[in-house]
Amino acid sequence: MVEYAMIALAALSILLLIVSFFAKDELKPLEEQIDQLTVSLAQETYQMKKRLQVIEEELLIPERRRPASPRRGGALSPTDRRVLFLHKQGFPLDEIAQETGLTVPEVERAIRRLQR
């Protein structure tokens, strides 16, 4: 009797092994979607980093590469450029002072000087 049970269990295990090869893998499409999403996310992240790098380079152009402004009598310092940029963006004077490390009166004087 025990021999019949062992033979039946062995046959059942072989049958289940064969069925498992032909069974449809339900996780395969989900894994493919996750892989595609990961690749597209990596591509978008790379493109955003490149765009950000270009924008940063445009904002931080060294003075020797930037042409001198004829109406101001020379090139602007990086601090002056930053003050002027923030002022044109509509930031309040105290935030400009905090961002540039200047005092509020220094920011006011710089803005008046740069707008002449």
PDB file of N, CA and C in Angstrom:
ATOM      1  N   MET A   1       0.809  -1.180   0.000  1.00  0.00           N
ATOM      2  CA  MET A   1       0.000   0.000   0.000  1.00  0.00           C
ATOM      3  C   MET A   1       0.863   1.259   0.000  1.00  0.00           C
ATOM      4  N   VAL A   2       1.915   1.286   0.789  1.00  0.00           N
ATOM      5  CA  VAL A   2       2.796   2.438   0.856  1.00  0.00           C
ATOM      6  C   VAL A   2       3.488   2.637  -0.499  1.00  0.00           C
ATOM      7  N   GLU A   3       3.800   1.518  -1.160  1.00  0.00           N
ATOM      8  CA  GLU A   3       4.461   1.639  -2.462  1.00  0.00           C
ATOM      9  C   GLU A   3       3.546   2.337  -3.467  1.00  0.00           C
ATOM     10  N   TYR A   4       2.251   2.007  -3.422  1.00  0.00           N
ATOM     11  CA  TYR A   4       1.314   2.634  -4.343  1.00  0.00           C
ATOM     12  C   TYR A   4       1.187   4.136  -4.069  1.00  0.00           C
ATOM     13  N   ALA A   5       1.213   4.504  -2.835  1.00  0.00           N
ATOM     14  CA  ALA A   5       1.132   5.926  -2.464  1.00  0.00           C
ATOM     15  C   ALA A   5       2.371   6.667  -2.943  1.00  0.00           C
ATOM     16  N   MET A   6       3.538   6.042  -2.794  1.00  0.00           N
ATOM     17  CA  MET A   6       4.791   6.689  -3.247  1.00  0.00           C
ATOM     18  C   MET A   6       4.797   6.829  -4.764  1.00  0.00           C
ATOM     19  N   ILE A   7       4.337   5.817  -5.471  1.00  0.00           N
ATOM     20  CA  ILE A   7       4.285   5.866  -6.936  1.00  0.00           C
ATOM     21  C   ILE A   7       3.278   6.928  -7.380  1.00  0.00           C
ATOM     22  N   ALA A   8       2.152   7.007  -6.720  1.00  0.00           N
ATOM     23  CA  ALA A   8       1.135   7.998  -7.057  1.00  0.00           C
ATOM     24  C   ALA A   8       1.665   9.418  -6.806  1.00  0.00           C
ATOM     25  N   LEU A   9       2.351   9.624  -5.710  1.00  0.00           N
ATOM     26  CA  LEU A   9       2.918  10.953  -5.421  1.00  0.00           C
ATOM     27  C   LEU A   9       4.004  11.319  -6.439  1.00  0.00           C
ATOM     28  N   ALA A  10       4.847  10.372  -6.825  1.00  0.00           N
ATOM     29  CA  ALA A  10       5.883  10.637  -7.817  1.00  0.00           C
ATOM     30  C   ALA A  10       5.260  10.976  -9.162  1.00  0.00           C
ATOM     31  N   ALA A  11       4.224  10.224  -9.559  1.00  0.00           N
ATOM     32  CA  ALA A  11       3.549  10.494 -10.829  1.00  0.00           C
ATOM     33  C   ALA A  11       2.881  11.868 -10.794  1.00  0.00           C
ATOM     34  N   LEU A  12       2.256  12.185  -9.667  1.00  0.00           N
ATOM     35  CA  LEU A  12       1.612  13.498  -9.527  1.00  0.00           C
ATOM     36  C   LEU A  12       2.631  14.628  -9.608  1.00  0.00           C
ATOM     37  N   SER A  13       3.782  14.442  -8.987  1.00  0.00           N
ATOM     38  CA  SER A  13       4.804  15.492  -9.031  1.00  0.00           C
ATOM     39  C   SER A  13       5.348  15.669 -10.443  1.00  0.00           C
ATOM     40  N   ILE A  14       5.532  14.582 -11.179  1.00  0.00           N
ATOM     41  CA  ILE A  14       6.000  14.684 -12.570  1.00  0.00           C
ATOM     42  C   ILE A  14       4.940  15.374 -13.421  1.00  0.00           C
ATOM     43  N   LEU A  15       3.683  15.009 -13.226  1.00  0.00           N
ATOM     44  CA  LEU A  15       2.597  15.634 -13.968  1.00  0.00           C
ATOM     45  C   LEU A  15       2.520  17.138 -13.680  1.00  0.00           C
ATOM     46  N   LEU A  16       2.640  17.533 -12.424  1.00  0.00           N
ATOM     47  CA  LEU A  16       2.612  18.958 -12.068  1.00  0.00           C
ATOM     48  C   LEU A  16       3.820  19.707 -12.634  1.00  0.00           C
ATOM     49  N   LEU A  17       4.967  19.039 -12.686  1.00  0.00           N
ATOM     50  CA  LEU A  17       6.156  19.660 -13.278  1.00  0.00           C
ATOM     51  C   LEU A  17       5.942  19.928 -14.761  1.00  0.00           C
ATOM     52  N   ILE A  18       5.353  18.990 -15.466  1.00  0.00           N
ATOM     53  CA  ILE A  18       5.087  19.154 -16.899  1.00  0.00           C
ATOM     54  C   ILE A  18       4.050  20.257 -17.118  1.00  0.00           C
ATOM     55  N   VAL A  19       3.020  20.301 -16.305  1.00  0.00           N
ATOM     56  CA  VAL A  19       1.983  21.329 -16.425  1.00  0.00           C
ATOM     57  C   VAL A  19       2.569  22.713 -16.155  1.00  0.00           C
ATOM     58  N   SER A  20       3.510  22.796 -15.237  1.00  0.00           N
ATOM     59  CA  SER A  20       4.092  24.107 -14.913  1.00  0.00           C
ATOM     60  C   SER A  20       4.868  24.703 -16.086  1.00  0.00           C
ATOM     61  N   PHE A  21       5.412  23.862 -16.959  1.00  0.00           N
ATOM     62  CA  PHE A  21       6.121  24.379 -18.135  1.00  0.00           C
ATOM     63  C   PHE A  21       5.168  24.991 -19.142  1.00  0.00           C
ATOM     64  N   PHE A  22       3.932  24.494 -19.204  1.00  0.00           N
ATOM     65  CA  PHE A  22       2.970  24.985 -20.183  1.00  0.00           C
ATOM     66  C   PHE A  22       2.015  26.029 -19.614  1.00  0.00           C
ATOM     67  N   ALA A  23       2.049  26.253 -18.333  1.00  0.00           N
ATOM     68  CA  ALA A  23       1.164  27.245 -17.715  1.00  0.00           C
ATOM     69  C   ALA A  23       1.609  28.648 -18.104  1.00  0.00           C
ATOM     70  N   LYS A  24       0.647  29.545 -18.284  1.00  0.00           N
ATOM     71  CA  LYS A  24       0.934  30.921 -18.670  1.00  0.00           C
ATOM     72  C   LYS A  24       1.473  31.690 -17.462  1.00  0.00           C
ATOM     73  N   ASP A  25       2.571  32.403 -17.689  1.00  0.00           N
ATOM     74  CA  ASP A  25       3.165  33.219 -16.628  1.00  0.00           C
ATOM     75  C   ASP A  25       2.435  34.565 -16.592  1.00  0.00           C
ATOM     76  N   GLU A  26       1.655  34.791 -15.553  1.00  0.00           N
ATOM     77  CA  GLU A  26       0.854  36.008 -15.455  1.00  0.00           C
ATOM     78  C   GLU A  26       1.672  37.228 -15.057  1.00  0.00           C
ATOM     79  N   LEU A  27       2.839  37.036 -14.493  1.00  0.00           N
ATOM     80  CA  LEU A  27       3.659  38.164 -14.064  1.00  0.00           C
ATOM     81  C   LEU A  27       4.558  38.690 -15.182  1.00  0.00           C
ATOM     82  N   LYS A  28       4.723  37.936 -16.250  1.00  0.00           N
ATOM     83  CA  LYS A  28       5.625  38.342 -17.329  1.00  0.00           C
ATOM     84  C   LYS A  28       5.227  39.693 -17.947  1.00  0.00           C
ATOM     85  N   PRO A  29       3.955  39.924 -18.323  1.00  0.00           N
ATOM     86  CA  PRO A  29       3.595  41.238 -18.877  1.00  0.00           C
ATOM     87  C   PRO A  29       3.818  42.374 -17.875  1.00  0.00           C
ATOM     88  N   LEU A  30       3.545  42.115 -16.621  1.00  0.00           N
ATOM     89  CA  LEU A  30       3.753  43.137 -15.601  1.00  0.00           C
ATOM     90  C   LEU A  30       5.235  43.477 -15.461  1.00  0.00           C
ATOM     91  N   GLU A  31       6.083  42.469 -15.488  1.00  0.00           N
ATOM     92  CA  GLU A  31       7.529  42.703 -15.416  1.00  0.00           C
ATOM     93  C   GLU A  31       8.017  43.511 -16.618  1.00  0.00           C
ATOM     94  N   GLU A  32       7.479  43.209 -17.804  1.00  0.00           N
ATOM     95  CA  GLU A  32       7.868  43.959 -19.004  1.00  0.00           C
ATOM     96  C   GLU A  32       7.435  45.422 -18.905  1.00  0.00           C
ATOM     97  N   GLN A  33       6.236  45.666 -18.382  1.00  0.00           N
ATOM     98  CA  GLN A  33       5.766  47.042 -18.213  1.00  0.00           C
ATOM     99  C   GLN A  33       6.643  47.803 -17.222  1.00  0.00           C
ATOM    100  N   ILE A  34       7.023  47.141 -16.159  1.00  0.00           N
ATOM    101  CA  ILE A  34       7.884  47.791 -15.161  1.00  0.00           C
ATOM    102  C   ILE A  34       9.249  48.098 -15.773  1.00  0.00           C
ATOM    103  N   ASP A  35       9.787  47.197 -16.576  1.00  0.00           N
ATOM    104  CA  ASP A  35      11.065  47.441 -17.235  1.00  0.00           C
ATOM    105  C   ASP A  35      10.975  48.627 -18.187  1.00  0.00           C
ATOM    106  N   GLN A  36       9.897  48.697 -18.974  1.00  0.00           N
ATOM    107  CA  GLN A  36       9.710  49.812 -19.897  1.00  0.00           C
ATOM    108  C   GLN A  36       9.564  51.133 -19.145  1.00  0.00           C
ATOM    109  N   LEU A  37       8.827  51.106 -18.062  1.00  0.00           N
ATOM    110  CA  LEU A  37       8.640  52.308 -17.251  1.00  0.00           C
ATOM    111  C   LEU A  37       9.962  52.768 -16.648  1.00  0.00           C
ATOM    112  N   THR A  38      10.772  51.825 -16.197  1.00  0.00           N
ATOM    113  CA  THR A  38      12.065  52.163 -15.615  1.00  0.00           C
ATOM    114  C   THR A  38      12.975  52.803 -16.652  1.00  0.00           C
ATOM    115  N   VAL A  39      12.998  52.243 -17.855  1.00  0.00           N
ATOM    116  CA  VAL A  39      13.837  52.790 -18.921  1.00  0.00           C
ATOM    117  C   VAL A  39      13.370  54.188 -19.309  1.00  0.00           C
ATOM    118  N   SER A  40      12.057  54.370 -19.467  1.00  0.00           N
ATOM    119  CA  SER A  40      11.561  55.694 -19.862  1.00  0.00           C
ATOM    120  C   SER A  40      11.804  56.726 -18.760  1.00  0.00           C
ATOM    121  N   LEU A  41      11.688  56.311 -17.510  1.00  0.00           N
ATOM    122  CA  LEU A  41      11.966  57.224 -16.404  1.00  0.00           C
ATOM    123  C   LEU A  41      13.435  57.626 -16.377  1.00  0.00           C
ATOM    124  N   ALA A  42      14.314  56.675 -16.635  1.00  0.00           N
ATOM    125  CA  ALA A  42      15.747  56.982 -16.677  1.00  0.00           C
ATOM    126  C   ALA A  42      16.057  57.942 -17.822  1.00  0.00           C
ATOM    127  N   GLN A  43      15.420  57.754 -18.970  1.00  0.00           N
ATOM    128  CA  GLN A  43      15.637  58.662 -20.103  1.00  0.00           C
ATOM    129  C   GLN A  43      15.147  60.069 -19.787  1.00  0.00           C
ATOM    130  N   GLU A  44      13.976  60.172 -19.194  1.00  0.00           N
ATOM    131  CA  GLU A  44      13.440  61.490 -18.853  1.00  0.00           C
ATOM    132  C   GLU A  44      14.307  62.185 -17.803  1.00  0.00           C
ATOM    133  N   THR A  45      14.804  61.430 -16.849  1.00  0.00           N
ATOM    134  CA  THR A  45      15.675  62.005 -15.825  1.00  0.00           C
ATOM    135  C   THR A  45      16.956  62.523 -16.457  1.00  0.00           C
ATOM    136  N   TYR A  46      17.521  61.772 -17.382  1.00  0.00           N
ATOM    137  CA  TYR A  46      18.741  62.201 -18.071  1.00  0.00           C
ATOM    138  C   TYR A  46      18.484  63.484 -18.856  1.00  0.00           C
ATOM    139  N   GLN A  47      17.362  63.541 -19.572  1.00  0.00           N
ATOM    140  CA  GLN A  47      17.040  64.739 -20.349  1.00  0.00           C
ATOM    141  C   GLN A  47      16.841  65.950 -19.439  1.00  0.00           C
ATOM    142  N   MET A  48      16.186  65.761 -18.306  1.00  0.00           N
ATOM    143  CA  MET A  48      15.978  66.870 -17.369  1.00  0.00           C
ATOM    144  C   MET A  48      17.303  67.355 -16.796  1.00  0.00           C
ATOM    145  N   LYS A  49      18.213  66.438 -16.495  1.00  0.00           N
ATOM    146  CA  LYS A  49      19.519  66.836 -15.971  1.00  0.00           C
ATOM    147  C   LYS A  49      20.288  67.627 -17.014  1.00  0.00           C
ATOM    148  N   LYS A  50      20.228  67.206 -18.265  1.00  0.00           N
ATOM    149  CA  LYS A  50      20.925  67.939 -19.328  1.00  0.00           C
ATOM    150  C   LYS A  50      20.334  69.338 -19.489  1.00  0.00           C
ATOM    151  N   ARG A  51      19.002  69.450 -19.463  1.00  0.00           N
ATOM    152  CA  ARG A  51      18.368  70.766 -19.589  1.00  0.00           C
ATOM    153  C   ARG A  51      18.745  71.665 -18.420  1.00  0.00           C
ATOM    154  N   LEU A  52      18.747  71.106 -17.218  1.00  0.00           N
ATOM    155  CA  LEU A  52      19.121  71.875 -16.038  1.00  0.00           C
ATOM    156  C   LEU A  52      20.563  72.340 -16.125  1.00  0.00           C
ATOM    157  N   GLN A  53      21.434  71.482 -16.622  1.00  0.00           N
ATOM    158  CA  GLN A  53      22.844  71.845 -16.769  1.00  0.00           C
ATOM    159  C   GLN A  53      23.001  73.003 -17.757  1.00  0.00           C
ATOM    160  N   VAL A  54      22.247  72.969 -18.861  1.00  0.00           N
ATOM    161  CA  VAL A  54      22.311  74.057 -19.843  1.00  0.00           C
ATOM    162  C   VAL A  54      21.828  75.356 -19.220  1.00  0.00           C
ATOM    163  N   ILE A  55      20.744  75.301 -18.469  1.00  0.00           N
ATOM    164  CA  ILE A  55      20.207  76.507 -17.827  1.00  0.00           C
ATOM    165  C   ILE A  55      21.200  77.060 -16.809  1.00  0.00           C
ATOM    166  N   GLU A  56      21.809  76.170 -16.011  1.00  0.00           N
ATOM    167  CA  GLU A  56      22.797  76.624 -15.037  1.00  0.00           C
ATOM    168  C   GLU A  56      23.993  77.269 -15.729  1.00  0.00           C
ATOM    169  N   GLU A  57      24.435  76.694 -16.836  1.00  0.00           N
ATOM    170  CA  GLU A  57      25.567  77.275 -17.561  1.00  0.00           C
ATOM    171  C   GLU A  57      25.207  78.645 -18.121  1.00  0.00           C
ATOM    172  N   GLU A  58      23.962  78.812 -18.583  1.00  0.00           N
ATOM    173  CA  GLU A  58      23.543  80.112 -19.103  1.00  0.00           C
ATOM    174  C   GLU A  58      23.505  81.160 -18.006  1.00  0.00           C
ATOM    175  N   LEU A  59      23.098  80.761 -16.803  1.00  0.00           N
ATOM    176  CA  LEU A  59      23.007  81.721 -15.705  1.00  0.00           C
ATOM    177  C   LEU A  59      24.371  82.050 -15.112  1.00  0.00           C
ATOM    178  N   LEU A  60      25.320  81.153 -15.212  1.00  0.00           N
ATOM    179  CA  LEU A  60      26.621  81.348 -14.587  1.00  0.00           C
ATOM    180  C   LEU A  60      27.735  81.510 -15.619  1.00  0.00           C
ATOM    181  N   ILE A  61      27.443  82.248 -16.686  1.00  0.00           N
ATOM    182  CA  ILE A  61      28.451  82.483 -17.720  1.00  0.00           C
ATOM    183  C   ILE A  61      29.565  83.334 -17.118  1.00  0.00           C
ATOM    184  N   PRO A  62      30.822  82.926 -17.273  1.00  0.00           N
ATOM    185  CA  PRO A  62      31.926  83.749 -16.753  1.00  0.00           C
ATOM    186  C   PRO A  62      31.968  85.109 -17.442  1.00  0.00           C
ATOM    187  N   GLU A  63      32.486  86.099 -16.736  1.00  0.00           N
ATOM    188  CA  GLU A  63      32.516  87.468 -17.263  1.00  0.00           C
ATOM    189  C   GLU A  63      33.346  87.588 -18.530  1.00  0.00           C
ATOM    190  N   ARG A  64      34.399  86.832 -18.660  1.00  0.00           N
ATOM    191  CA  ARG A  64      35.265  86.973 -19.842  1.00  0.00           C
ATOM    192  C   ARG A  64      34.565  86.525 -21.122  1.00  0.00           C
ATOM    193  N   ARG A  65      33.560  85.680 -21.003  1.00  0.00           N
ATOM    194  CA  ARG A  65      32.823  85.234 -22.177  1.00  0.00           C
ATOM    195  C   ARG A  65      31.637  86.121 -22.480  1.00  0.00           C
ATOM    196  N   ARG A  66      31.143  86.830 -21.502  1.00  0.00           N
ATOM    197  CA  ARG A  66      29.978  87.689 -21.687  1.00  0.00           C
ATOM    198  C   ARG A  66      30.452  89.052 -22.198  1.00  0.00           C
ATOM    199  N   PRO A  67      29.827  89.556 -23.259  1.00  0.00           N
ATOM    200  CA  PRO A  67      30.219  90.877 -23.754  1.00  0.00           C
ATOM    201  C   PRO A  67      29.880  91.968 -22.750  1.00  0.00           C
ATOM    202  N   ALA A  68      30.728  92.979 -22.709  1.00  0.00           N
ATOM    203  CA  ALA A  68      30.513  94.082 -21.777  1.00  0.00           C
ATOM    204  C   ALA A  68      29.285  94.871 -22.193  1.00  0.00           C
ATOM    205  N   SER A  69      28.534  95.315 -21.218  1.00  0.00           N
ATOM    206  CA  SER A  69      27.349  96.111 -21.484  1.00  0.00           C
ATOM    207  C   SER A  69      27.781  97.553 -21.737  1.00  0.00           C
ATOM    208  N   PRO A  70      27.475  98.097 -22.901  1.00  0.00           N
ATOM    209  CA  PRO A  70      27.953  99.446 -23.215  1.00  0.00           C
ATOM    210  C   PRO A  70      27.321 100.518 -22.341  1.00  0.00           C
ATOM    211  N   ARG A  71      26.087 100.345 -21.901  1.00  0.00           N
ATOM    212  CA  ARG A  71      25.475 101.420 -21.128  1.00  0.00           C
ATOM    213  C   ARG A  71      25.895 101.390 -19.672  1.00  0.00           C
ATOM    214  N   ARG A  72      26.518 100.317 -19.212  1.00  0.00           N
ATOM    215  CA  ARG A  72      26.950 100.266 -17.821  1.00  0.00           C
ATOM    216  C   ARG A  72      28.458 100.436 -17.689  1.00  0.00           C
ATOM    217  N   GLY A  73      29.124 100.554 -18.790  1.00  0.00           N
ATOM    218  CA  GLY A  73      30.556 100.842 -18.734  1.00  0.00           C
ATOM    219  C   GLY A  73      31.413  99.646 -18.366  1.00  0.00           C
ATOM    220  N   GLY A  74      30.943  98.441 -18.543  1.00  0.00           N
ATOM    221  CA  GLY A  74      31.751  97.263 -18.242  1.00  0.00           C
ATOM    222  C   GLY A  74      30.874  96.076 -17.905  1.00  0.00           C
ATOM    223  N   ALA A  75      31.525  94.952 -17.691  1.00  0.00           N
ATOM    224  CA  ALA A  75      30.786  93.729 -17.378  1.00  0.00           C
ATOM    225  C   ALA A  75      30.309  93.760 -15.931  1.00  0.00           C
ATOM    226  N   LEU A  76      29.232  93.057 -15.685  1.00  0.00           N
ATOM    227  CA  LEU A  76      28.678  92.991 -14.333  1.00  0.00           C
ATOM    228  C   LEU A  76      29.366  91.888 -13.545  1.00  0.00           C
ATOM    229  N   SER A  77      29.468  92.116 -12.263  1.00  0.00           N
ATOM    230  CA  SER A  77      30.008  91.065 -11.401  1.00  0.00           C
ATOM    231  C   SER A  77      28.945  89.983 -11.238  1.00  0.00           C
ATOM    232  N   PRO A  78      29.350  88.788 -10.826  1.00  0.00           N
ATOM    233  CA  PRO A  78      28.347  87.728 -10.622  1.00  0.00           C
ATOM    234  C   PRO A  78      27.282  88.119  -9.593  1.00  0.00           C
ATOM    235  N   THR A  79      27.691  88.847  -8.563  1.00  0.00           N
ATOM    236  CA  THR A  79      26.715  89.282  -7.557  1.00  0.00           C
ATOM    237  C   THR A  79      25.727  90.267  -8.163  1.00  0.00           C
ATOM    238  N   ASP A  80      26.234  91.224  -8.956  1.00  0.00           N
ATOM    239  CA  ASP A  80      25.348  92.194  -9.598  1.00  0.00           C
ATOM    240  C   ASP A  80      24.374  91.489 -10.550  1.00  0.00           C
ATOM    241  N   ARG A  81      24.880  90.511 -11.299  1.00  0.00           N
ATOM    242  CA  ARG A  81      24.002  89.768 -12.206  1.00  0.00           C
ATOM    243  C   ARG A  81      22.920  89.045 -11.423  1.00  0.00           C
ATOM    244  N   ARG A  82      23.304  88.449 -10.299  1.00  0.00           N
ATOM    245  CA  ARG A  82      22.342  87.707  -9.483  1.00  0.00           C
ATOM    246  C   ARG A  82      21.299  88.653  -8.880  1.00  0.00           C
ATOM    247  N   VAL A  83      21.745  89.815  -8.376  1.00  0.00           N
ATOM    248  CA  VAL A  83      20.821  90.803  -7.804  1.00  0.00           C
ATOM    249  C   VAL A  83      19.838  91.259  -8.875  1.00  0.00           C
ATOM    250  N   LEU A  84      20.339  91.592 -10.048  1.00  0.00           N
ATOM    251  CA  LEU A  84      19.491  92.068 -11.130  1.00  0.00           C
ATOM    252  C   LEU A  84      18.515  90.983 -11.581  1.00  0.00           C
ATOM    253  N   PHE A  85      18.994  89.755 -11.689  1.00  0.00           N
ATOM    254  CA  PHE A  85      18.140  88.637 -12.097  1.00  0.00           C
ATOM    255  C   PHE A  85      17.008  88.430 -11.095  1.00  0.00           C
ATOM    256  N   LEU A  86      17.337  88.397  -9.806  1.00  0.00           N
ATOM    257  CA  LEU A  86      16.313  88.187  -8.780  1.00  0.00           C
ATOM    258  C   LEU A  86      15.321  89.349  -8.728  1.00  0.00           C
ATOM    259  N   HIS A  87      15.840  90.584  -8.916  1.00  0.00           N
ATOM    260  CA  HIS A  87      14.963  91.757  -8.910  1.00  0.00           C
ATOM    261  C   HIS A  87      13.980  91.691 -10.080  1.00  0.00           C
ATOM    262  N   LYS A  88      14.463  91.292 -11.249  1.00  0.00           N
ATOM    263  CA  LYS A  88      13.579  91.183 -12.413  1.00  0.00           C
ATOM    264  C   LYS A  88      12.559  90.061 -12.244  1.00  0.00           C
ATOM    265  N   GLN A  89      12.887  89.065 -11.452  1.00  0.00           N
ATOM    266  CA  GLN A  89      11.951  87.976 -11.190  1.00  0.00           C
ATOM    267  C   GLN A  89      10.892  88.376 -10.167  1.00  0.00           C
ATOM    268  N   GLY A  90      11.057  89.540  -9.509  1.00  0.00           N
ATOM    269  CA  GLY A  90      10.058  90.044  -8.589  1.00  0.00           C
ATOM    270  C   GLY A  90      10.270  89.659  -7.133  1.00  0.00           C
ATOM    271  N   PHE A  91      11.476  89.226  -6.796  1.00  0.00           N
ATOM    272  CA  PHE A  91      11.750  88.856  -5.411  1.00  0.00           C
ATOM    273  C   PHE A  91      11.846  90.118  -4.554  1.00  0.00           C
ATOM    274  N   PRO A  92      11.380  90.069  -3.308  1.00  0.00           N
ATOM    275  CA  PRO A  92      11.519  91.218  -2.412  1.00  0.00           C
ATOM    276  C   PRO A  92      12.991  91.459  -2.046  1.00  0.00           C
ATOM    277  N   LEU A  93      13.287  92.671  -1.630  1.00  0.00           N
ATOM    278  CA  LEU A  93      14.675  93.046  -1.348  1.00  0.00           C
ATOM    279  C   LEU A  93      15.292  92.202  -0.244  1.00  0.00           C
ATOM    280  N   ASP A  94      14.522  91.873   0.785  1.00  0.00           N
ATOM    281  CA  ASP A  94      15.098  91.099   1.884  1.00  0.00           C
ATOM    282  C   ASP A  94      15.475  89.683   1.436  1.00  0.00           C
ATOM    283  N   GLU A  95      14.691  89.096   0.523  1.00  0.00           N
ATOM    284  CA  GLU A  95      15.050  87.770   0.013  1.00  0.00           C
ATOM    285  C   GLU A  95      16.271  87.844  -0.898  1.00  0.00           C
ATOM    286  N   ILE A  96      16.363  88.917  -1.686  1.00  0.00           N
ATOM    287  CA  ILE A  96      17.550  89.097  -2.534  1.00  0.00           C
ATOM    288  C   ILE A  96      18.782  89.243  -1.663  1.00  0.00           C
ATOM    289  N   ALA A  97      18.662  90.021  -0.586  1.00  0.00           N
ATOM    290  CA  ALA A  97      19.786  90.212   0.328  1.00  0.00           C
ATOM    291  C   ALA A  97      20.196  88.887   0.963  1.00  0.00           C
ATOM    292  N   GLN A  98      19.235  88.111   1.368  1.00  0.00           N
ATOM    293  CA  GLN A  98      19.541  86.816   1.985  1.00  0.00           C
ATOM    294  C   GLN A  98      20.198  85.875   0.976  1.00  0.00           C
ATOM    295  N   GLU A  99      19.721  85.879  -0.254  1.00  0.00           N
ATOM    296  CA  GLU A  99      20.254  84.986  -1.289  1.00  0.00           C
ATOM    297  C   GLU A  99      21.684  85.365  -1.695  1.00  0.00           C
ATOM    298  N   THR A 100      21.974  86.662  -1.746  1.00  0.00           N
ATOM    299  CA  THR A 100      23.283  87.108  -2.225  1.00  0.00           C
ATOM    300  C   THR A 100      24.281  87.386  -1.111  1.00  0.00           C
ATOM    301  N   GLY A 101      23.821  87.411   0.127  1.00  0.00           N
ATOM    302  CA  GLY A 101      24.730  87.678   1.235  1.00  0.00           C
ATOM    303  C   GLY A 101      24.998  89.166   1.447  1.00  0.00           C
ATOM    304  N   LEU A 102      24.197  90.007   0.838  1.00  0.00           N
ATOM    305  CA  LEU A 102      24.328  91.456   1.007  1.00  0.00           C
ATOM    306  C   LEU A 102      23.305  91.939   2.028  1.00  0.00           C
ATOM    307  N   THR A 103      23.460  93.192   2.434  1.00  0.00           N
ATOM    308  CA  THR A 103      22.452  93.796   3.291  1.00  0.00           C
ATOM    309  C   THR A 103      21.368  94.406   2.403  1.00  0.00           C
ATOM    310  N   VAL A 104      20.218  94.715   2.990  1.00  0.00           N
ATOM    311  CA  VAL A 104      19.122  95.300   2.217  1.00  0.00           C
ATOM    312  C   VAL A 104      19.523  96.651   1.607  1.00  0.00           C
ATOM    313  N   PRO A 105      20.204  97.551   2.367  1.00  0.00           N
ATOM    314  CA  PRO A 105      20.630  98.815   1.736  1.00  0.00           C
ATOM    315  C   PRO A 105      21.613  98.595   0.576  1.00  0.00           C
ATOM    316  N   GLU A 106      22.498  97.603   0.703  1.00  0.00           N
ATOM    317  CA  GLU A 106      23.423  97.315  -0.403  1.00  0.00           C
ATOM    318  C   GLU A 106      22.668  96.826  -1.631  1.00  0.00           C
ATOM    319  N   VAL A 107      21.632  96.036  -1.416  1.00  0.00           N
ATOM    320  CA  VAL A 107      20.822  95.556  -2.537  1.00  0.00           C
ATOM    321  C   VAL A 107      20.094  96.727  -3.190  1.00  0.00           C
ATOM    322  N   GLU A 108      19.548  97.638  -2.369  1.00  0.00           N
ATOM    323  CA  GLU A 108      18.868  98.818  -2.923  1.00  0.00           C
ATOM    324  C   GLU A 108      19.819  99.651  -3.773  1.00  0.00           C
ATOM    325  N   ARG A 109      21.024  99.899  -3.250  1.00  0.00           N
ATOM    326  CA  ARG A 109      22.011 100.680  -4.006  1.00  0.00           C
ATOM    327  C   ARG A 109      22.407  99.970  -5.295  1.00  0.00           C
ATOM    328  N   ALA A 110      22.580  98.660  -5.239  1.00  0.00           N
ATOM    329  CA  ALA A 110      22.973  97.908  -6.429  1.00  0.00           C
ATOM    330  C   ALA A 110      21.873  97.983  -7.482  1.00  0.00           C
ATOM    331  N   ILE A 111      20.627  97.872  -7.065  1.00  0.00           N
ATOM    332  CA  ILE A 111      19.527  97.933  -8.019  1.00  0.00           C
ATOM    333  C   ILE A 111      19.442  99.312  -8.652  1.00  0.00           C
ATOM    334  N   ARG A 112      19.573 100.370  -7.822  1.00  0.00           N
ATOM    335  CA  ARG A 112      19.548 101.734  -8.386  1.00  0.00           C
ATOM    336  C   ARG A 112      20.705 101.933  -9.355  1.00  0.00           C
ATOM    337  N   ARG A 113      21.871 101.444  -9.005  1.00  0.00           N
ATOM    338  CA  ARG A 113      23.062 101.590  -9.865  1.00  0.00           C
ATOM    339  C   ARG A 113      22.877 100.804 -11.164  1.00  0.00           C
ATOM    340  N   LEU A 114      22.320  99.625 -11.089  1.00  0.00           N
ATOM    341  CA  LEU A 114      22.184  98.780 -12.267  1.00  0.00           C
ATOM    342  C   LEU A 114      21.054  99.228 -13.185  1.00  0.00           C
ATOM    343  N   GLN A 115      20.094  99.944 -12.665  1.00  0.00           N
ATOM    344  CA  GLN A 115      18.982 100.389 -13.498  1.00  0.00           C
ATOM    345  C   GLN A 115      19.268 101.720 -14.188  1.00  0.00           C
ATOM    346  N   ARG A 116      20.370 102.345 -13.885  1.00  0.00           N
ATOM    347  CA  ARG A 116      20.718 103.610 -14.568  1.00  0.00           C
ATOM    348  C   ARG A 116      21.118 103.397 -15.971  1.00  0.00           C
TER     349      ARG A 116
END
